[in-house]
Amino acid sequence: MNTPQGNGPAGSLFAARPLSHQSRSEMCAVFDRAIRLAEANRLRLRVPREVKPTQRLANMHYHYRPEVFLQLQGVTEFRFPRENFELVPDEVLVIPAGVPHGETVRDEGGKPFRNLVAGFYNNTISLHFAYEARPGRPDIEEIEFFDAPDLEVFLTLANNLAHAHAMQSPARDAVLKGLLIALLGMFRNIIETGTDRLNTDSGKVFHAKCIVREQFSNPELGVQQIAAALGCSRDYLSHLFHVETKERLTHYIQRIRIEGAILALETTALNVSEIAYASGFADPAYFGRVFKQHKGVTPQEFRAQLDAQRNRPESGPKTVYADHVDFSPGEPVARKPEVAVGGAR
């Protein structure tokens, strides 16, 4: 997501508007066009080089889920630890999880900067249009959050795009094209079919939830910081949040952090300490205690259970017939030896 640098709550979210009907239609048209370009091999895919993830570098930030940028107008200058490049119209960028980056934007060809950005949260996807709010600095213009119970499918497509881009295999281009069209198509579908319960919250509760989802990796994030950013007292915000959601804001912050850690344990190879820091816990040991309070097991035990489930042999039959079931994996039919005309071969 295009956000200001630094560790404070994202001020961009306070000025951002929910998607209007006109902007929602525009977003659908943007994805429709991108899909057509991808089908015609005219949408260029950019992926930065792999680096050691979760490095804290000056003037850069990272997320431990991928981000997707679709350039519409103008230019975005991206900075990465190992390279810099410009994203121009009809190009799409997938930034792998944990890759630090910074960005500067500018007009080009008489057209102002504008792009479309997809971010991934806990069972939620955000889609927003960005514009140049200050010279060189992008900000959120309009944003929508969509419930995504199939979030892992989006993450799998984005992660596989990043991995396949770095490979040199015979079918690489076909794989990239298929994955890219599938990801763009799913974004297009969620605009039409996804629910947006987060967007129905009232002003300060909506913005508080946005800040938590955007900034939960910041260990200094708390009720006081959120209330100060929203221009109200800590007690007022806590009371309002509890009345509207039936959940305390402190608990909501912790729950979002743990849900993010669960998703990271399920979908990334980051070690437990890296996940703890990326989830907003300054102390991995404390993270382990909080995680066990929520899940009943430690993060290491949770990941071990996942590995055991993945390695468990299939219990169901391979094939079901009208009168019996078959559990065998199947064996090739033995071929009879060929006999040449006029004698054995």
Protein backbone atom coordinates (compact mmCIF):
# COMPACT_ATOMS: atom_id res chain seq x y z
CA MET A 1 0.00 0.00 0.00
CA ASN A 2 1.22 3.52 -0.74
CA THR A 3 1.91 4.86 2.74
CA PRO A 4 4.07 7.56 4.25
CA GLN A 5 7.46 6.49 5.51
CA GLY A 6 7.98 6.01 9.23
CA ASN A 7 6.41 4.01 11.99
CA GLY A 8 3.47 6.24 12.88
CA PRO A 9 -0.14 5.52 11.96
CA ALA A 10 -0.86 6.06 8.30
CA GLY A 11 -2.31 9.55 7.97
CA SER A 12 -3.25 8.72 4.40
CA LEU A 13 -6.12 6.61 5.62
CA PHE A 14 -7.83 9.53 7.36
CA ALA A 15 -8.24 11.56 4.18
CA ALA A 16 -9.06 8.54 2.00
CA ARG A 17 -12.63 8.12 0.83
CA PRO A 18 -14.53 4.86 0.36
CA LEU A 19 -14.92 3.90 -3.28
CA SER A 20 -17.74 5.75 -5.00
CA HIS A 21 -19.97 3.88 -7.44
CA GLN A 22 -18.19 5.64 -10.28
CA SER A 23 -14.74 4.66 -8.96
CA ARG A 24 -15.89 1.08 -8.38
CA SER A 25 -16.95 0.91 -12.03
CA GLU A 26 -13.63 2.43 -13.06
CA MET A 27 -11.76 -0.17 -11.01
CA CYS A 28 -13.68 -2.96 -12.76
CA ALA A 29 -12.79 -1.42 -16.13
CA VAL A 30 -9.11 -1.17 -15.12
CA PHE A 31 -8.96 -4.88 -14.32
CA ASP A 32 -10.90 -5.80 -17.47
CA ARG A 33 -8.37 -3.90 -19.56
CA ALA A 34 -5.41 -5.41 -17.67
CA ILE A 35 -6.76 -8.91 -18.29
CA ARG A 36 -7.08 -8.20 -22.03
CA LEU A 37 -3.52 -6.86 -22.12
CA ALA A 38 -2.23 -9.92 -20.26
CA GLU A 39 -4.05 -12.24 -22.67
CA ALA A 40 -2.37 -10.41 -25.56
CA ASN A 41 1.06 -10.53 -23.85
CA ARG A 42 1.08 -6.73 -23.59
CA LEU A 43 1.04 -6.33 -19.79
CA ARG A 44 4.61 -6.37 -18.51
CA LEU A 45 5.24 -8.07 -15.17
CA ARG A 46 7.92 -6.63 -12.88
CA VAL A 47 9.25 -8.40 -9.79
CA PRO A 48 12.25 -7.18 -7.75
CA ARG A 49 15.17 -9.49 -7.12
CA GLU A 50 14.97 -11.72 -4.09
CA VAL A 51 16.74 -10.38 -1.01
CA LYS A 52 17.01 -11.37 2.62
CA PRO A 53 13.48 -10.60 3.86
CA THR A 54 12.38 -8.30 6.68
CA GLN A 55 15.44 -6.03 6.68
CA ARG A 56 14.86 -2.64 8.29
CA LEU A 57 16.46 -0.16 5.91
CA ALA A 58 16.40 3.64 5.90
CA ASN A 59 13.62 5.22 3.83
CA MET A 60 12.14 1.81 3.04
CA HIS A 61 9.36 -0.31 4.48
CA TYR A 62 8.17 -3.87 3.97
CA HIS A 63 5.13 -6.07 4.47
CA TYR A 64 5.19 -9.77 5.12
CA ARG A 65 2.52 -10.33 2.53
CA PRO A 66 2.96 -9.46 -1.14
CA GLU A 67 1.73 -6.23 -2.69
CA VAL A 68 0.47 -5.69 -6.24
CA PHE A 69 0.78 -2.36 -8.11
CA LEU A 70 -0.90 -1.66 -11.44
CA GLN A 71 0.42 1.55 -13.00
CA LEU A 72 -2.31 3.61 -14.71
CA GLN A 73 -0.71 7.01 -15.41
CA GLY A 74 2.58 8.72 -14.69
CA VAL A 75 5.59 6.90 -13.25
CA THR A 76 6.47 5.26 -9.94
CA GLU A 77 10.18 5.09 -9.15
CA PHE A 78 10.75 2.06 -6.91
CA ARG A 79 13.83 1.56 -4.75
CA PHE A 80 14.83 -1.90 -3.54
CA PRO A 81 17.95 -3.15 -1.72
CA ARG A 82 19.50 -4.57 -4.90
CA GLU A 83 18.01 -2.46 -7.68
CA ASN A 84 15.88 0.51 -8.69
CA PHE A 85 13.44 0.71 -11.57
CA GLU A 86 10.50 2.69 -12.89
CA LEU A 87 6.96 1.34 -13.21
CA VAL A 88 5.13 2.84 -16.18
CA PRO A 89 1.58 2.42 -17.55
CA ASP A 90 0.60 -1.09 -18.65
CA GLU A 91 3.05 -2.62 -16.18
CA VAL A 92 2.18 -4.55 -13.04
CA LEU A 93 4.52 -5.02 -10.10
CA VAL A 94 4.41 -7.82 -7.54
CA ILE A 95 6.54 -7.10 -4.47
CA PRO A 96 7.23 -10.36 -2.60
CA ALA A 97 6.57 -10.56 1.11
CA GLY A 98 9.29 -9.07 3.25
CA VAL A 99 11.08 -7.16 0.48
CA PRO A 100 11.95 -3.60 1.63
CA HIS A 101 11.05 -0.85 -0.81
CA GLY A 102 10.55 2.88 -1.19
CA GLU A 103 8.69 4.79 -3.87
CA THR A 104 8.61 8.22 -5.47
CA VAL A 105 6.06 9.26 -8.09
CA ARG A 106 5.83 11.83 -10.87
CA ASP A 107 3.71 12.94 -13.81
CA GLU A 108 4.66 11.80 -17.29
CA GLY A 109 3.52 12.88 -20.74
CA GLY A 110 1.21 15.54 -19.34
CA LYS A 111 -0.74 12.96 -17.34
CA PRO A 112 -0.79 12.99 -13.52
CA PHE A 113 0.42 9.99 -11.53
CA ARG A 114 -2.19 7.38 -10.69
CA ASN A 115 -2.01 3.71 -9.83
CA LEU A 116 -4.12 0.91 -8.38
CA VAL A 117 -2.75 -1.00 -5.40
CA ALA A 118 -3.83 -4.28 -3.82
CA GLY A 119 -2.92 -5.09 -0.23
CA PHE A 120 -3.51 -8.27 1.76
CA TYR A 121 -4.60 -8.36 5.39
CA ASN A 122 -6.18 -10.94 7.68
CA ASN A 123 -9.01 -12.41 5.59
CA THR A 124 -9.29 -9.00 3.95
CA ILE A 125 -8.09 -7.45 0.69
CA SER A 126 -7.78 -3.71 0.15
CA LEU A 127 -7.94 -2.09 -3.28
CA HIS A 128 -7.18 1.60 -3.61
CA PHE A 129 -6.46 4.28 -6.16
CA ALA A 130 -3.41 6.40 -5.35
CA TYR A 131 -2.53 9.93 -6.44
CA GLU A 132 0.34 12.38 -5.91
CA ALA A 133 -0.67 14.13 -2.70
CA ARG A 134 2.60 16.04 -2.31
CA PRO A 135 5.50 16.41 -4.73
CA GLY A 136 6.85 12.90 -5.28
CA ARG A 137 4.73 11.35 -2.54
CA PRO A 138 1.81 9.00 -3.25
CA ASP A 139 -1.25 8.83 -1.05
CA ILE A 140 -4.55 6.99 -0.95
CA GLU A 141 -7.38 8.66 -2.86
CA GLU A 142 -10.19 6.10 -2.52
CA ILE A 143 -10.05 2.72 -0.80
CA GLU A 144 -12.27 -0.31 -0.26
CA PHE A 145 -11.76 -3.32 2.00
CA PHE A 146 -13.23 -6.65 0.91
CA ASP A 147 -13.80 -9.77 2.99
CA ALA A 148 -11.69 -12.54 1.45
CA PRO A 149 -12.32 -15.98 2.98
CA ASP A 150 -10.26 -17.40 0.08
CA LEU A 151 -7.32 -15.09 0.84
CA GLU A 152 -4.85 -17.99 0.63
CA VAL A 153 -5.71 -18.42 -3.06
CA PHE A 154 -4.79 -14.78 -3.75
CA LEU A 155 -1.57 -15.15 -1.75
CA THR A 156 -0.66 -18.39 -3.51
CA LEU A 157 -1.10 -16.77 -6.93
CA ALA A 158 0.92 -13.68 -5.97
CA ASN A 159 3.69 -15.70 -4.31
CA ASN A 160 3.91 -18.13 -7.22
CA LEU A 161 4.14 -15.21 -9.66
CA ALA A 162 7.14 -13.90 -7.75
CA HIS A 163 8.80 -17.32 -7.59
CA ALA A 164 8.12 -18.24 -11.22
CA HIS A 165 9.45 -14.89 -12.42
CA ALA A 166 12.90 -15.77 -11.04
CA MET A 167 12.92 -19.24 -12.62
CA GLN A 168 14.36 -20.28 -15.97
CA SER A 169 12.10 -23.10 -17.05
CA PRO A 170 10.78 -24.13 -20.48
CA ALA A 171 7.18 -23.14 -19.66
CA ARG A 172 8.03 -20.04 -17.59
CA ASP A 173 6.22 -17.53 -19.82
CA ALA A 174 3.08 -19.67 -20.02
CA VAL A 175 3.05 -20.13 -16.24
CA LEU A 176 3.48 -16.40 -15.62
CA LYS A 177 0.73 -15.52 -18.07
CA GLY A 178 -1.72 -17.99 -16.53
CA LEU A 179 -0.98 -16.95 -12.95
CA LEU A 180 -1.22 -13.23 -13.79
CA ILE A 181 -4.55 -13.56 -15.60
CA ALA A 182 -5.93 -15.67 -12.73
CA LEU A 183 -4.85 -13.10 -10.10
CA LEU A 184 -6.26 -10.15 -12.07
CA GLY A 185 -9.49 -12.07 -12.65
CA MET A 186 -9.89 -12.78 -8.94
CA PHE A 187 -9.38 -9.10 -8.13
CA ARG A 188 -12.00 -8.26 -10.74
CA ASN A 189 -14.45 -10.77 -9.25
CA ILE A 190 -14.05 -9.63 -5.67
CA ILE A 191 -15.13 -6.11 -6.62
CA GLU A 192 -18.43 -7.57 -7.87
CA THR A 193 -18.98 -10.37 -5.35
CA GLY A 194 -16.96 -9.56 -2.23
CA THR A 195 -18.62 -8.19 0.90
CA ASP A 196 -17.29 -5.10 2.59
CA ARG A 197 -18.37 -5.21 6.23
CA LEU A 198 -15.38 -3.19 7.37
CA ASN A 199 -16.56 -0.27 5.25
CA THR A 200 -19.90 -0.12 7.10
CA ASP A 201 -18.30 0.93 10.41
CA SER A 202 -18.74 4.54 11.44
CA GLY A 203 -15.98 7.10 10.88
CA LYS A 204 -13.62 6.75 13.83
CA VAL A 205 -14.17 2.99 14.25
CA PHE A 206 -13.55 2.45 10.51
CA HIS A 207 -10.37 4.52 10.63
CA ALA A 208 -9.20 2.79 13.82
CA LYS A 209 -9.58 -0.61 12.17
CA CYS A 210 -7.79 0.66 9.06
CA ILE A 211 -4.87 1.90 11.16
CA VAL A 212 -4.59 -1.41 13.00
CA ARG A 213 -4.66 -3.45 9.77
CA GLU A 214 -2.14 -1.16 8.12
CA GLN A 215 0.17 -0.63 11.11
CA PHE A 216 -0.12 -3.78 13.26
CA SER A 217 3.56 -4.57 12.60
CA ASN A 218 4.52 -1.37 14.44
CA PRO A 219 5.33 -2.43 18.05
CA GLU A 220 4.53 1.09 19.29
CA LEU A 221 0.97 1.00 17.96
CA GLY A 222 -1.58 1.25 20.74
CA VAL A 223 -4.86 2.89 21.67
CA GLN A 224 -3.14 6.13 22.66
CA GLN A 225 -1.35 6.45 19.31
CA ILE A 226 -4.52 5.68 17.34
CA ALA A 227 -6.61 8.14 19.38
CA ALA A 228 -4.02 10.89 18.89
CA ALA A 229 -4.02 10.30 15.14
CA LEU A 230 -7.82 10.48 15.09
CA GLY A 231 -7.91 13.66 17.19
CA CYS A 232 -9.80 12.25 20.17
CA SER A 233 -9.06 10.98 23.67
CA ARG A 234 -8.00 7.43 24.45
CA ASP A 235 -11.03 6.90 26.71
CA TYR A 236 -13.48 8.20 24.10
CA LEU A 237 -12.10 5.98 21.34
CA SER A 238 -11.99 2.91 23.57
CA HIS A 239 -15.60 3.45 24.65
CA LEU A 240 -16.84 4.12 21.10
CA PHE A 241 -15.03 1.09 19.69
CA HIS A 242 -16.40 -1.21 22.41
CA VAL A 243 -19.97 0.09 22.03
CA GLU A 244 -19.99 -0.38 18.25
CA THR A 245 -18.05 -3.64 17.95
CA LYS A 246 -18.59 -5.33 21.35
CA GLU A 247 -14.80 -5.82 21.43
CA ARG A 248 -12.14 -3.81 23.22
CA LEU A 249 -9.72 -2.00 20.95
CA THR A 250 -6.72 -3.41 22.82
CA HIS A 251 -8.04 -6.92 22.20
CA TYR A 252 -8.74 -6.11 18.54
CA ILE A 253 -5.12 -4.97 18.05
CA GLN A 254 -3.80 -8.15 19.63
CA ARG A 255 -6.23 -10.35 17.68
CA ILE A 256 -5.25 -8.81 14.34
CA ARG A 257 -1.58 -9.32 15.19
CA ILE A 258 -2.11 -12.98 16.10
CA GLU A 259 -4.29 -13.61 13.03
CA GLY A 260 -1.52 -12.12 10.91
CA ALA A 261 1.04 -14.34 12.60
CA ILE A 262 -1.13 -17.42 11.97
CA LEU A 263 -1.36 -16.56 8.29
CA ALA A 264 2.41 -16.05 8.14
CA LEU A 265 3.03 -19.42 9.82
CA GLU A 266 0.73 -21.06 7.28
CA THR A 267 1.94 -19.36 4.11
CA THR A 268 5.56 -18.22 4.57
CA ALA A 269 8.92 -19.74 5.44
CA LEU A 270 9.79 -16.94 7.89
CA ASN A 271 11.05 -18.19 11.23
CA VAL A 272 9.10 -17.55 14.43
CA SER A 273 11.24 -14.60 15.53
CA GLU A 274 10.82 -12.88 12.14
CA ILE A 275 7.06 -13.42 12.32
CA ALA A 276 6.99 -12.04 15.87
CA TYR A 277 8.73 -8.82 14.84
CA ALA A 278 6.62 -8.47 11.67
CA SER A 279 3.48 -8.91 13.79
CA GLY A 280 4.33 -6.01 16.07
CA PHE A 281 5.90 -7.91 18.98
CA ALA A 282 9.25 -6.52 20.13
CA ASP A 283 9.92 -9.68 22.19
CA PRO A 284 9.57 -13.12 20.51
CA ALA A 285 9.18 -14.78 23.91
CA TYR A 286 6.21 -12.55 24.75
CA PHE A 287 4.79 -13.26 21.30
CA GLY A 288 4.98 -16.97 22.08
CA ARG A 289 3.05 -16.51 25.34
CA VAL A 290 0.34 -14.40 23.71
CA PHE A 291 0.07 -16.82 20.80
CA LYS A 292 -0.44 -19.73 23.19
CA GLN A 293 -3.17 -17.83 25.02
CA HIS A 294 -5.06 -17.47 21.72
CA LYS A 295 -4.36 -20.86 20.12
CA GLY A 296 -3.53 -23.17 23.05
CA VAL A 297 -0.14 -24.07 21.51
CA THR A 298 3.13 -22.27 20.87
CA PRO A 299 3.95 -20.95 17.38
CA GLN A 300 6.46 -23.78 16.95
CA GLU A 301 3.86 -26.39 17.94
CA PHE A 302 1.30 -24.77 15.60
CA ARG A 303 3.68 -24.98 12.65
CA ALA A 304 4.57 -28.58 13.56
CA GLN A 305 0.86 -29.45 13.52
CA LEU A 306 0.55 -27.88 10.06
CA ASP A 307 3.50 -29.91 8.79
CA ALA A 308 2.00 -33.09 10.25
CA GLN A 309 -1.33 -32.42 8.55
CA ARG A 310 0.37 -31.79 5.20
CA ASN A 311 2.37 -35.01 5.45
CA ARG A 312 -0.54 -37.17 6.61
CA PRO A 313 -1.39 -39.97 4.15
CA GLU A 314 -4.67 -39.73 2.30
CA SER A 315 -7.46 -41.46 4.21
CA GLY A 316 -10.14 -41.37 1.53
CA PRO A 317 -10.41 -43.57 -1.55
CA LYS A 318 -8.80 -42.56 -4.81
CA THR A 319 -11.74 -43.58 -6.96
CA VAL A 320 -15.40 -44.28 -6.13
CA TYR A 321 -17.33 -46.70 -8.35
CA ALA A 322 -21.00 -47.64 -8.26
CA ASP A 323 -20.33 -50.89 -6.39
CA HIS A 324 -16.94 -50.39 -4.70
CA VAL A 325 -14.21 -47.93 -3.81
CA ASP A 326 -10.57 -48.14 -4.82
CA PHE A 327 -7.82 -46.97 -2.43
CA SER A 328 -4.89 -47.92 -4.67
CA PRO A 329 -2.87 -45.20 -6.42
CA GLY A 330 -3.19 -47.15 -9.64
CA GLU A 331 -0.59 -49.11 -11.55
CA PRO A 332 0.21 -49.03 -15.25
CA VAL A 333 -1.09 -51.98 -17.25
CA ALA A 334 1.72 -54.37 -18.10
CA ARG A 335 2.38 -54.23 -21.80
CA LYS A 336 2.51 -57.48 -23.68
CA PRO A 337 5.77 -58.13 -25.52
CA GLU A 338 5.53 -57.19 -29.14
CA VAL A 339 5.85 -60.01 -31.63
CA ALA A 340 7.34 -59.23 -34.99
CA VAL A 341 5.86 -60.65 -38.12
CA GLY A 342 7.62 -63.86 -38.91
CA GLY A 343 8.99 -64.56 -35.48
CA ALA A 344 9.82 -63.26 -32.01
CA ARG A 345 11.71 -60.05 -31.55
